Amino acid sequence: MVNHQLLQTAFAESCRSYWTTRDKQSITGKGEGLAAAVRAGKHFGSVQALVESVFIDCGYGERNFLRDRSATVPGHYRVTKNWDLIVHQGDTLIAALELKSLGANSAANNFNNRTEEAIGNATDLRLAHAQTGMYGDLSPWAGFMFLIEESAETIYPVGGLSSKWPVDAEFRNSSYLKRGEILSRRMLQQGLYDAVCFVTSSQNPAQPPREPVEELSWLNFVEAVLARVREVQSHLSPPGPSTPYGSGRTLF
């Protein structure tokens, strides 16, 4: 059974330590492998492990996960696309997940790139299935997580709104944090992604991360994953006995 309280605690620690490793020793207890990943705060390894743990608690295991270069699916506008994590059962694509961050120093140069990547990846995944039906009766499910660093560069309004035509009023006087929130909310509402989590954190380890929008919270993301698992299991037989790796796995 999924322990929501433990997942929330682990997620907060992952985001808190993402930008720095100074709080490396703040988490102790059982499940040292995952705890160590959370403490390290490198890339999204710790958060990805938390997402995997939700699937593991539902009966999936190592045989169902594709990562790194193996997490590749065919595209429509391009040959293939690598996602951060693919969860599958046989030929059925259970979930494709992308985890992205945006540091304060690179926000001005990279925010638009993050936006275009996020929109393009989901569009390509869905159109490839619509054209070929490669995933069978179950449409592909996509999840997106976006972590932005809280800093002077991201919390204050920025320019770049020049256009011959009126810019969407919601973007006026917006910061990069606000633009990230708008992007995340609209991608979820428009069905580009089935689950989106938007979170912000600073390099101050004493400052907890923030989840400013309830519908984009980590626990709502987890609930969307669980709903997807129920959908898949209503169409397919259960994934089978968990491997020793996934059996009874705890977060700490």
C-alpha atoms as a PDB file:
ATOM      1  CA  MET A   1       0.000   0.000   0.000  1.00  0.00           C
ATOM      2  CA  VAL A   2       1.250   3.472  -0.861  1.00  0.00           C
ATOM      3  CA  ASN A   3       2.237   5.526   2.185  1.00  0.00           C
ATOM      4  CA  HIS A   4       1.314   9.078   1.199  1.00  0.00           C
ATOM      5  CA  GLN A   5       2.828  10.718   4.258  1.00  0.00           C
ATOM      6  CA  LEU A   6       6.166   9.017   3.729  1.00  0.00           C
ATOM      7  CA  LEU A   7       6.111   9.867   0.040  1.00  0.00           C
ATOM      8  CA  GLN A   8       5.441  13.527   0.809  1.00  0.00           C
ATOM      9  CA  THR A   9       8.293  13.685   3.329  1.00  0.00           C
ATOM     10  CA  ALA A  10      10.719  12.009   0.938  1.00  0.00           C
ATOM     11  CA  PHE A  11       9.664  14.259  -1.941  1.00  0.00           C
ATOM     12  CA  ALA A  12      10.163  17.407   0.134  1.00  0.00           C
ATOM     13  CA  GLU A  13      13.651  16.297   1.123  1.00  0.00           C
ATOM     14  CA  SER A  14      14.533  15.482  -2.486  1.00  0.00           C
ATOM     15  CA  CYS A  15      13.511  18.947  -3.662  1.00  0.00           C
ATOM     16  CA  ARG A  16      15.100  20.667  -0.682  1.00  0.00           C
ATOM     17  CA  SER A  17      18.467  19.078  -1.416  1.00  0.00           C
ATOM     18  CA  TYR A  18      18.321  19.241  -5.189  1.00  0.00           C
ATOM     19  CA  TRP A  19      20.376  22.412  -5.528  1.00  0.00           C
ATOM     20  CA  THR A  20      22.870  21.581  -2.814  1.00  0.00           C
ATOM     21  CA  THR A  21      24.300  18.545  -1.026  1.00  0.00           C
ATOM     22  CA  ARG A  22      24.876  20.273   2.303  1.00  0.00           C
ATOM     23  CA  ASP A  23      21.990  18.424   3.946  1.00  0.00           C
ATOM     24  CA  LYS A  24      23.349  15.059   2.852  1.00  0.00           C
ATOM     25  CA  GLN A  25      22.987  13.441   6.244  1.00  0.00           C
ATOM     26  CA  SER A  26      19.477  14.671   7.023  1.00  0.00           C
ATOM     27  CA  ILE A  27      17.659  11.419   6.209  1.00  0.00           C
ATOM     28  CA  THR A  28      18.374   8.155   7.987  1.00  0.00           C
ATOM     29  CA  GLY A  29      16.658   4.848   8.511  1.00  0.00           C
ATOM     30  CA  LYS A  30      15.706   1.826   6.461  1.00  0.00           C
ATOM     31  CA  GLY A  31      15.839   1.483   2.679  1.00  0.00           C
ATOM     32  CA  GLU A  32      19.328   2.935   2.491  1.00  0.00           C
ATOM     33  CA  GLY A  33      19.478   2.782  -1.301  1.00  0.00           C
ATOM     34  CA  LEU A  34      16.615   5.223  -1.800  1.00  0.00           C
ATOM     35  CA  ALA A  35      17.539   7.288   1.245  1.00  0.00           C
ATOM     36  CA  ALA A  36      21.033   7.733  -0.159  1.00  0.00           C
ATOM     37  CA  ALA A  37      19.581   8.898  -3.468  1.00  0.00           C
ATOM     38  CA  VAL A  38      17.393  11.424  -1.674  1.00  0.00           C
ATOM     39  CA  ARG A  39      20.348  12.741   0.314  1.00  0.00           C
ATOM     40  CA  ALA A  40      22.564  13.059  -2.735  1.00  0.00           C
ATOM     41  CA  GLY A  41      20.159  15.399  -4.511  1.00  0.00           C
ATOM     42  CA  LYS A  42      21.831  14.684  -7.864  1.00  0.00           C
ATOM     43  CA  HIS A  43      19.740  15.281 -10.953  1.00  0.00           C
ATOM     44  CA  PHE A  44      16.308  13.730 -10.433  1.00  0.00           C
ATOM     45  CA  GLY A  45      17.501  10.305  -9.354  1.00  0.00           C
ATOM     46  CA  SER A  46      15.887  10.549  -5.935  1.00  0.00           C
ATOM     47  CA  VAL A  47      12.543  11.823  -7.231  1.00  0.00           C
ATOM     48  CA  GLN A  48      12.533   9.236  -9.997  1.00  0.00           C
ATOM     49  CA  ALA A  49      13.120   6.547  -7.371  1.00  0.00           C
ATOM     50  CA  LEU A  50      10.060   7.829  -5.509  1.00  0.00           C
ATOM     51  CA  VAL A  51       7.941   7.592  -8.660  1.00  0.00           C
ATOM     52  CA  GLU A  52       9.220   4.079  -9.237  1.00  0.00           C
ATOM     53  CA  SER A  53       8.348   3.163  -5.659  1.00  0.00           C
ATOM     54  CA  VAL A  54       4.680   3.973  -6.341  1.00  0.00           C
ATOM     55  CA  PHE A  55       4.655   1.507  -9.231  1.00  0.00           C
ATOM     56  CA  ILE A  56       6.562  -1.040  -7.168  1.00  0.00           C
ATOM     57  CA  ASP A  57       3.945  -0.831  -4.427  1.00  0.00           C
ATOM     58  CA  CYS A  58       1.395  -1.694  -7.127  1.00  0.00           C
ATOM     59  CA  GLY A  59       3.225  -4.867  -8.087  1.00  0.00           C
ATOM     60  CA  TYR A  60       5.614  -3.695 -10.791  1.00  0.00           C
ATOM     61  CA  GLY A  61       9.350  -4.318 -10.630  1.00  0.00           C
ATOM     62  CA  GLU A  62      12.661  -3.877 -12.404  1.00  0.00           C
ATOM     63  CA  ARG A  63      11.452  -5.832 -15.434  1.00  0.00           C
ATOM     64  CA  ASN A  64       8.840  -3.106 -16.030  1.00  0.00           C
ATOM     65  CA  PHE A  65      11.225  -0.109 -15.987  1.00  0.00           C
ATOM     66  CA  LEU A  66      13.252   1.377 -18.812  1.00  0.00           C
ATOM     67  CA  ARG A  67      15.689   4.169 -17.961  1.00  0.00           C
ATOM     68  CA  ASP A  68      18.248   6.367 -19.646  1.00  0.00           C
ATOM     69  CA  ARG A  69      18.995   5.276 -23.223  1.00  0.00           C
ATOM     70  CA  SER A  70      16.650   2.319 -22.896  1.00  0.00           C
ATOM     71  CA  ALA A  71      13.694   4.620 -22.160  1.00  0.00           C
ATOM     72  CA  THR A  72      13.069   5.256 -25.854  1.00  0.00           C
ATOM     73  CA  VAL A  73       9.783   5.370 -27.739  1.00  0.00           C
ATOM     74  CA  PRO A  74       9.036   5.961 -31.444  1.00  0.00           C
ATOM     75  CA  GLY A  75       7.926   9.415 -32.508  1.00  0.00           C
ATOM     76  CA  HIS A  76       5.887  10.947 -35.309  1.00  0.00           C
ATOM     77  CA  TYR A  77       7.916  14.063 -36.093  1.00  0.00           C
ATOM     78  CA  ARG A  78      11.203  12.368 -35.194  1.00  0.00           C
ATOM     79  CA  VAL A  79      12.473   8.823 -35.164  1.00  0.00           C
ATOM     80  CA  THR A  80      12.597   8.278 -31.406  1.00  0.00           C
ATOM     81  CA  LYS A  81      12.505  10.169 -28.125  1.00  0.00           C
ATOM     82  CA  ASN A  82      14.273   9.318 -24.875  1.00  0.00           C
ATOM     83  CA  TRP A  83      12.203   9.841 -21.737  1.00  0.00           C
ATOM     84  CA  ASP A  84      13.560   9.746 -18.192  1.00  0.00           C
ATOM     85  CA  LEU A  85      11.466   6.744 -17.230  1.00  0.00           C
ATOM     86  CA  ILE A  86       9.281   4.339 -19.176  1.00  0.00           C
ATOM     87  CA  VAL A  87       7.026   1.903 -17.346  1.00  0.00           C
ATOM     88  CA  HIS A  88       5.709  -0.953 -19.464  1.00  0.00           C
ATOM     89  CA  GLN A  89       4.044  -4.337 -19.208  1.00  0.00           C
ATOM     90  CA  GLY A  90       4.968  -6.357 -22.230  1.00  0.00           C
ATOM     91  CA  ASP A  91       4.156  -4.168 -25.232  1.00  0.00           C
ATOM     92  CA  THR A  92       1.814  -1.912 -23.247  1.00  0.00           C
ATOM     93  CA  LEU A  93       3.158   1.544 -22.421  1.00  0.00           C
ATOM     94  CA  ILE A  94       1.963   2.183 -18.883  1.00  0.00           C
ATOM     95  CA  ALA A  95       3.699   5.529 -18.378  1.00  0.00           C
ATOM     96  CA  ALA A  96       6.262   7.842 -19.951  1.00  0.00           C
ATOM     97  CA  LEU A  97       7.738  10.308 -17.491  1.00  0.00           C
ATOM     98  CA  GLU A  98       9.889  13.390 -17.925  1.00  0.00           C
ATOM     99  CA  LEU A  99      11.530  15.237 -15.028  1.00  0.00           C
ATOM    100  CA  LYS A 100      12.955  18.687 -15.680  1.00  0.00           C
ATOM    101  CA  SER A 101      14.596  21.396 -13.592  1.00  0.00           C
ATOM    102  CA  LEU A 102      15.433  25.028 -14.226  1.00  0.00           C
ATOM    103  CA  GLY A 103      18.200  26.729 -12.295  1.00  0.00           C
ATOM    104  CA  ALA A 104      18.072  30.447 -11.584  1.00  0.00           C
ATOM    105  CA  ASN A 105      21.261  31.246 -13.496  1.00  0.00           C
ATOM    106  CA  SER A 106      19.993  29.582 -16.660  1.00  0.00           C
ATOM    107  CA  ALA A 107      16.342  30.634 -16.480  1.00  0.00           C
ATOM    108  CA  ALA A 108      16.640  33.463 -19.007  1.00  0.00           C
ATOM    109  CA  ASN A 109      18.347  31.250 -21.585  1.00  0.00           C
ATOM    110  CA  ASN A 110      16.577  27.958 -20.991  1.00  0.00           C
ATOM    111  CA  PHE A 111      12.972  28.615 -19.969  1.00  0.00           C
ATOM    112  CA  ASN A 112      11.674  28.712 -23.535  1.00  0.00           C
ATOM    113  CA  ASN A 113      13.679  25.577 -24.343  1.00  0.00           C
ATOM    114  CA  ARG A 114      12.052  23.744 -21.421  1.00  0.00           C
ATOM    115  CA  THR A 115       8.645  24.910 -22.613  1.00  0.00           C
ATOM    116  CA  GLU A 116       9.168  23.760 -26.189  1.00  0.00           C
ATOM    117  CA  GLU A 117      10.593  20.403 -25.071  1.00  0.00           C
ATOM    118  CA  ALA A 118       7.689  19.698 -22.745  1.00  0.00           C
ATOM    119  CA  ILE A 119       5.019  20.552 -25.282  1.00  0.00           C
ATOM    120  CA  GLY A 120       6.785  18.809 -28.152  1.00  0.00           C
ATOM    121  CA  ASN A 121       7.499  15.571 -26.292  1.00  0.00           C
ATOM    122  CA  ALA A 122       3.889  14.999 -25.274  1.00  0.00           C
ATOM    123  CA  THR A 123       2.540  16.016 -28.679  1.00  0.00           C
ATOM    124  CA  ASP A 124       4.898  13.653 -30.501  1.00  0.00           C
ATOM    125  CA  LEU A 125       4.112  10.735 -28.182  1.00  0.00           C
ATOM    126  CA  ARG A 126       0.360  11.070 -28.598  1.00  0.00           C
ATOM    127  CA  LEU A 127       0.409  11.696 -32.337  1.00  0.00           C
ATOM    128  CA  ALA A 128       2.657   8.687 -32.945  1.00  0.00           C
ATOM    129  CA  HIS A 129       0.091   6.493 -31.199  1.00  0.00           C
ATOM    130  CA  ALA A 130      -2.851   8.152 -32.969  1.00  0.00           C
ATOM    131  CA  GLN A 131      -1.244   7.453 -36.359  1.00  0.00           C
ATOM    132  CA  THR A 132      -0.149   3.871 -35.705  1.00  0.00           C
ATOM    133  CA  GLY A 133      -2.025   2.547 -32.667  1.00  0.00           C
ATOM    134  CA  MET A 134       1.268   1.044 -31.566  1.00  0.00           C
ATOM    135  CA  TYR A 135       0.245   0.836 -27.894  1.00  0.00           C
ATOM    136  CA  GLY A 136      -3.016  -1.005 -28.541  1.00  0.00           C
ATOM    137  CA  ASP A 137      -6.328  -0.113 -26.927  1.00  0.00           C
ATOM    138  CA  LEU A 138      -4.696   1.861 -24.115  1.00  0.00           C
ATOM    139  CA  SER A 139      -3.583   5.336 -25.072  1.00  0.00           C
ATOM    140  CA  PRO A 140      -0.136   6.374 -23.818  1.00  0.00           C
ATOM    141  CA  TRP A 141       0.024   8.062 -20.427  1.00  0.00           C
ATOM    142  CA  ALA A 142       2.520  10.872 -19.863  1.00  0.00           C
ATOM    143  CA  GLY A 143       3.725  12.541 -16.677  1.00  0.00           C
ATOM    144  CA  PHE A 144       5.800  15.698 -16.302  1.00  0.00           C
ATOM    145  CA  MET A 145       7.592  17.122 -13.283  1.00  0.00           C
ATOM    146  CA  PHE A 146       9.036  20.644 -13.230  1.00  0.00           C
ATOM    147  CA  LEU A 147      11.311  21.984 -10.485  1.00  0.00           C
ATOM    148  CA  ILE A 148      12.389  25.639 -10.624  1.00  0.00           C
ATOM    149  CA  GLU A 149      14.939  27.232  -8.338  1.00  0.00           C
ATOM    150  CA  GLU A 150      13.673  30.105  -6.200  1.00  0.00           C
ATOM    151  CA  SER A 151      16.013  33.079  -6.545  1.00  0.00           C
ATOM    152  CA  ALA A 152      15.980  36.757  -7.415  1.00  0.00           C
ATOM    153  CA  GLU A 153      16.315  35.748 -11.065  1.00  0.00           C
ATOM    154  CA  THR A 154      13.113  33.694 -10.976  1.00  0.00           C
ATOM    155  CA  ILE A 155      10.790  35.326  -8.443  1.00  0.00           C
ATOM    156  CA  TYR A 156      10.644  38.833  -9.927  1.00  0.00           C
ATOM    157  CA  PRO A 157       8.810  39.844 -13.132  1.00  0.00           C
ATOM    158  CA  VAL A 158      10.794  39.667 -16.350  1.00  0.00           C
ATOM    159  CA  GLY A 159      10.370  41.245 -19.759  1.00  0.00           C
ATOM    160  CA  GLY A 160      10.328  39.594 -23.148  1.00  0.00           C
ATOM    161  CA  LEU A 161       6.653  40.219 -23.881  1.00  0.00           C
ATOM    162  CA  SER A 162       7.100  42.374 -26.981  1.00  0.00           C
ATOM    163  CA  SER A 163       4.706  41.454 -29.783  1.00  0.00           C
ATOM    164  CA  LYS A 164       2.660  43.137 -32.492  1.00  0.00           C
ATOM    165  CA  TRP A 165      -0.402  41.433 -30.956  1.00  0.00           C
ATOM    166  CA  PRO A 166      -1.622  41.488 -27.354  1.00  0.00           C
ATOM    167  CA  VAL A 167       0.118  39.015 -25.048  1.00  0.00           C
ATOM    168  CA  ASP A 168      -2.005  36.766 -22.840  1.00  0.00           C
ATOM    169  CA  ALA A 169      -2.857  38.865 -19.791  1.00  0.00           C
ATOM    170  CA  GLU A 170      -1.812  36.092 -17.401  1.00  0.00           C
ATOM    171  CA  PHE A 171       1.783  36.406 -18.592  1.00  0.00           C
ATOM    172  CA  ARG A 172       2.019  40.150 -17.993  1.00  0.00           C
ATOM    173  CA  ASN A 173       4.360  41.107 -15.163  1.00  0.00           C
ATOM    174  CA  SER A 174       5.086  37.426 -14.623  1.00  0.00           C
ATOM    175  CA  SER A 175       8.220  35.867 -13.176  1.00  0.00           C
ATOM    176  CA  TYR A 176       9.822  32.662 -14.403  1.00  0.00           C
ATOM    177  CA  LEU A 177       8.231  30.905 -11.453  1.00  0.00           C
ATOM    178  CA  LYS A 178       4.807  32.159 -12.506  1.00  0.00           C
ATOM    179  CA  ARG A 179       5.425  31.222 -16.132  1.00  0.00           C
ATOM    180  CA  GLY A 180       6.428  27.726 -15.040  1.00  0.00           C
ATOM    181  CA  GLU A 181       3.218  27.442 -13.093  1.00  0.00           C
ATOM    182  CA  ILE A 182       1.142  28.642 -16.054  1.00  0.00           C
ATOM    183  CA  LEU A 183       2.881  26.205 -18.388  1.00  0.00           C
ATOM    184  CA  SER A 184       2.385  23.287 -16.015  1.00  0.00           C
ATOM    185  CA  ARG A 185      -1.273  24.049 -15.318  1.00  0.00           C
ATOM    186  CA  ARG A 186      -2.189  24.551 -18.973  1.00  0.00           C
ATOM    187  CA  MET A 187      -0.414  21.390 -20.137  1.00  0.00           C
ATOM    188  CA  LEU A 188      -2.447  19.417 -17.608  1.00  0.00           C
ATOM    189  CA  GLN A 189      -5.722  21.158 -18.393  1.00  0.00           C
ATOM    190  CA  GLN A 190      -5.253  20.717 -22.155  1.00  0.00           C
ATOM    191  CA  GLY A 191      -4.479  17.019 -21.766  1.00  0.00           C
ATOM    192  CA  LEU A 192      -0.919  17.156 -23.059  1.00  0.00           C
ATOM    193  CA  TYR A 193       0.072  15.366 -19.867  1.00  0.00           C
ATOM    194  CA  ASP A 194      -2.002  13.132 -17.631  1.00  0.00           C
ATOM    195  CA  ALA A 195      -0.123  14.202 -14.515  1.00  0.00           C
ATOM    196  CA  VAL A 196       1.985  17.299 -13.871  1.00  0.00           C
ATOM    197  CA  CYS A 197       3.863  18.279 -10.734  1.00  0.00           C
ATOM    198  CA  PHE A 198       5.205  21.804 -10.315  1.00  0.00           C
ATOM    199  CA  VAL A 199       7.473  22.583  -7.373  1.00  0.00           C
ATOM    200  CA  THR A 200       9.941  25.309  -6.409  1.00  0.00           C
ATOM    201  CA  SER A 201      12.863  25.256  -3.993  1.00  0.00           C
ATOM    202  CA  SER A 202      15.850  27.396  -3.084  1.00  0.00           C
ATOM    203  CA  GLN A 203      19.474  26.670  -2.262  1.00  0.00           C
ATOM    204  CA  ASN A 204      18.730  27.411   1.387  1.00  0.00           C
ATOM    205  CA  PRO A 205      18.393  23.957   3.016  1.00  0.00           C
ATOM    206  CA  ALA A 206      16.357  25.482   5.839  1.00  0.00           C
ATOM    207  CA  GLN A 207      13.666  26.647   3.439  1.00  0.00           C
ATOM    208  CA  PRO A 208      11.109  23.972   2.536  1.00  0.00           C
ATOM    209  CA  PRO A 209      10.115  23.519  -1.100  1.00  0.00           C
ATOM    210  CA  ARG A 210       6.800  24.963  -2.229  1.00  0.00           C
ATOM    211  CA  GLU A 211       3.978  23.423  -4.231  1.00  0.00           C
ATOM    212  CA  PRO A 212       1.994  26.573  -5.084  1.00  0.00           C
ATOM    213  CA  VAL A 213      -0.878  24.908  -6.974  1.00  0.00           C
ATOM    214  CA  GLU A 214      -2.899  22.086  -5.438  1.00  0.00           C
ATOM    215  CA  GLU A 215      -3.744  20.397  -8.732  1.00  0.00           C
ATOM    216  CA  LEU A 216      -0.017  20.351  -9.546  1.00  0.00           C
ATOM    217  CA  SER A 217       1.071  18.930  -6.202  1.00  0.00           C
ATOM    218  CA  TRP A 218       3.208  15.831  -5.736  1.00  0.00           C
ATOM    219  CA  LEU A 219       0.437  13.881  -4.023  1.00  0.00           C
ATOM    220  CA  ASN A 220      -1.988  14.698  -6.843  1.00  0.00           C
ATOM    221  CA  PHE A 221       0.692  13.408  -9.199  1.00  0.00           C
ATOM    222  CA  VAL A 222       0.864  10.190  -7.165  1.00  0.00           C
ATOM    223  CA  GLU A 223      -2.927   9.826  -7.293  1.00  0.00           C
ATOM    224  CA  ALA A 224      -2.829  10.186 -11.071  1.00  0.00           C
ATOM    225  CA  VAL A 225      -0.219   7.419 -11.238  1.00  0.00           C
ATOM    226  CA  LEU A 226      -2.416   5.162  -9.100  1.00  0.00           C
ATOM    227  CA  ALA A 227      -5.416   5.904 -11.324  1.00  0.00           C
ATOM    228  CA  ARG A 228      -3.365   4.938 -14.367  1.00  0.00           C
ATOM    229  CA  VAL A 229      -2.346   1.665 -12.720  1.00  0.00           C
ATOM    230  CA  ARG A 230      -6.009   0.873 -12.008  1.00  0.00           C
ATOM    231  CA  GLU A 231      -6.885   1.645 -15.627  1.00  0.00           C
ATOM    232  CA  VAL A 232      -4.142  -0.627 -16.943  1.00  0.00           C
ATOM    233  CA  GLN A 233      -4.973  -3.453 -14.567  1.00  0.00           C
ATOM    234  CA  SER A 234      -8.626  -3.316 -15.602  1.00  0.00           C
ATOM    235  CA  HIS A 235      -7.495  -4.147 -19.145  1.00  0.00           C
ATOM    236  CA  LEU A 236      -4.534  -6.421 -18.451  1.00  0.00           C
ATOM    237  CA  SER A 237      -3.749  -9.177 -16.011  1.00  0.00           C
ATOM    238  CA  PRO A 238      -1.723  -8.031 -12.969  1.00  0.00           C
ATOM    239  CA  PRO A 239       2.027  -7.688 -13.581  1.00  0.00           C
ATOM    240  CA  GLY A 240       2.740 -10.824 -11.548  1.00  0.00           C
ATOM    241  CA  PRO A 241       4.672 -11.425  -8.331  1.00  0.00           C
ATOM    242  CA  SER A 242       7.076  -8.673  -7.431  1.00  0.00           C
ATOM    243  CA  THR A 243      10.745  -9.347  -7.840  1.00  0.00           C
ATOM    244  CA  PRO A 244      12.815  -9.400  -4.641  1.00  0.00           C
ATOM    245  CA  TYR A 245      13.890  -5.878  -5.547  1.00  0.00           C
ATOM    246  CA  GLY A 246      10.307  -4.619  -5.358  1.00  0.00           C
ATOM    247  CA  SER A 247       8.892  -6.911  -2.698  1.00  0.00           C
ATOM    248  CA  GLY A 248       8.097  -5.071   0.486  1.00  0.00           C
ATOM    249  CA  ARG A 249      10.323  -2.182  -0.502  1.00  0.00           C
ATOM    250  CA  THR A 250      10.369   0.747   1.918  1.00  0.00           C
ATOM    251  CA  LEU A 251      11.454   4.302   1.301  1.00  0.00           C
ATOM    252  CA  PHE A 252      13.690   4.635   4.357  1.00  0.00           C
END
